[in-house]
Amino acid sequence: MDIGNIIELETADIVIKHPTTGKDTDLTVTVYAPHTDTFRKAATELVENKIDGMEFLAKCVKGWKNLKRNGKVVKFSTKEAVKLFKEASWLHKQVDSFVARSENFLQVS
């Protein structure tokens, strides 16, 4: 196996699935990979009990596209991501599951 062909990505996009139909939506969330400084810093804060799990995951989010709440576009911020994850546990679960799988941040060249 030639490991030189495998590239670790800094970020990856999650295509969010509708919580009841399971079909892809137009909402995408961009998250930092576990090997990045951003992720590691957030993980350290979590271990040191400076933040909770929701804030940890929110700090691992780089941004999103096509997110609306009640018809209005939601601008990205970590604070808004925490609020969103608390409001929509199904979304939190999708993002958390994606981030936990390191293969989501690998690309073969």
Protein backbone atom coordinates (compact mmCIF):
# COMPACT_ATOMS: atom_id res chain seq x y z
CA MET A 1 0.00 0.00 0.00
CA ASP A 2 1.36 3.40 -0.98
CA ILE A 3 0.36 5.75 1.82
CA GLY A 4 1.78 8.66 -0.15
CA ASN A 5 -1.44 8.74 -2.16
CA ILE A 6 -3.59 9.42 0.90
CA ILE A 7 -4.08 13.05 1.84
CA GLU A 8 -5.40 14.22 5.20
CA LEU A 9 -7.85 17.04 4.63
CA GLU A 10 -8.12 19.99 7.03
CA THR A 11 -11.90 20.18 6.62
CA ALA A 12 -14.76 18.19 5.13
CA ASP A 13 -18.33 18.99 4.13
CA ILE A 14 -21.27 17.07 5.51
CA VAL A 15 -24.40 16.95 3.39
CA ILE A 16 -27.14 16.98 6.01
CA LYS A 17 -29.94 14.47 5.61
CA HIS A 18 -33.57 15.28 6.32
CA PRO A 19 -34.36 13.85 9.77
CA THR A 20 -37.53 12.02 8.72
CA THR A 21 -36.94 11.07 5.07
CA GLY A 22 -33.19 10.44 5.20
CA LYS A 23 -32.80 12.23 1.87
CA ASP A 24 -29.94 14.66 1.23
CA THR A 25 -30.81 18.32 1.76
CA ASP A 26 -29.11 21.41 0.39
CA LEU A 27 -27.67 22.14 3.85
CA THR A 28 -23.96 21.48 4.18
CA VAL A 29 -21.85 21.87 7.30
CA THR A 30 -18.07 22.23 7.05
CA VAL A 31 -16.12 20.76 9.96
CA TYR A 32 -12.49 20.65 11.00
CA ALA A 33 -10.66 17.32 10.99
CA PRO A 34 -9.51 15.74 14.28
CA HIS A 35 -5.84 16.27 13.38
CA THR A 36 -6.19 20.07 13.01
CA ASP A 37 -5.10 22.62 15.59
CA THR A 38 -8.66 23.98 15.81
CA PHE A 39 -10.07 20.57 16.70
CA ARG A 40 -7.27 19.77 19.14
CA LYS A 41 -7.65 23.10 20.93
CA ALA A 42 -11.38 22.50 21.36
CA ALA A 43 -10.70 18.94 22.57
CA THR A 44 -8.26 20.25 25.18
CA GLU A 45 -10.87 22.73 26.41
CA LEU A 46 -13.38 19.88 26.66
CA VAL A 47 -11.00 17.65 28.62
CA GLU A 48 -10.17 20.52 30.96
CA ASN A 49 -13.93 21.08 31.53
CA LYS A 50 -13.75 24.62 30.12
CA ILE A 51 -16.52 23.81 27.60
CA ASP A 52 -19.26 21.19 27.27
CA GLY A 53 -19.84 18.71 24.46
CA MET A 54 -22.17 20.99 22.50
CA GLU A 55 -19.66 23.84 22.52
CA PHE A 56 -16.85 21.44 21.62
CA LEU A 57 -18.69 20.29 18.51
CA ALA A 58 -19.67 23.87 17.65
CA LYS A 59 -15.99 24.90 17.80
CA CYS A 60 -15.22 22.11 15.33
CA VAL A 61 -17.60 23.65 12.79
CA LYS A 62 -16.00 25.99 10.27
CA GLY A 63 -19.26 27.11 8.69
CA TRP A 64 -22.40 26.11 6.81
CA LYS A 65 -24.29 26.76 3.60
CA ASN A 66 -28.03 27.04 3.03
CA LEU A 67 -29.09 27.08 6.68
CA LYS A 68 -32.38 28.81 7.38
CA ARG A 69 -34.57 29.09 10.46
CA ASN A 70 -38.20 30.02 9.87
CA GLY A 71 -37.34 31.18 6.35
CA LYS A 72 -34.44 33.44 7.38
CA VAL A 73 -30.79 32.74 6.57
CA VAL A 74 -28.75 31.89 9.67
CA LYS A 75 -25.28 33.44 9.64
CA PHE A 76 -22.56 31.18 11.04
CA SER A 77 -20.97 31.74 14.42
CA THR A 78 -19.87 29.32 17.11
CA LYS A 79 -22.52 30.75 19.41
CA GLU A 80 -25.18 30.15 16.74
CA ALA A 81 -23.90 26.60 16.20
CA VAL A 82 -24.31 25.83 19.92
CA LYS A 83 -27.85 27.18 19.81
CA LEU A 84 -28.60 25.18 16.67
CA PHE A 85 -27.27 21.92 18.11
CA LYS A 86 -29.41 22.41 21.23
CA GLU A 87 -32.52 23.09 19.12
CA ALA A 88 -31.98 20.28 16.60
CA SER A 89 -30.57 17.18 18.27
CA TRP A 90 -30.89 15.28 14.98
CA LEU A 91 -28.48 17.74 13.36
CA HIS A 92 -26.08 17.51 16.30
CA LYS A 93 -26.06 13.71 15.93
CA GLN A 94 -25.30 13.85 12.20
CA VAL A 95 -22.40 16.25 12.66
CA ASP A 96 -21.03 14.40 15.69
CA SER A 97 -21.15 11.03 13.88
CA PHE A 98 -19.38 12.47 10.84
CA VAL A 99 -16.60 14.10 12.84
CA ALA A 100 -15.97 10.86 14.75
CA ARG A 101 -15.02 9.00 11.56
CA SER A 102 -11.46 9.88 10.53
CA GLU A 103 -11.95 8.40 7.05
CA ASN A 104 -14.26 11.34 6.30
CA PHE A 105 -11.15 13.52 6.26
CA LEU A 106 -9.05 11.42 3.88
CA GLN A 107 -8.69 11.75 0.14
CA VAL A 108 -6.86 9.50 -2.30
CA SER A 109 -4.84 11.48 -4.83
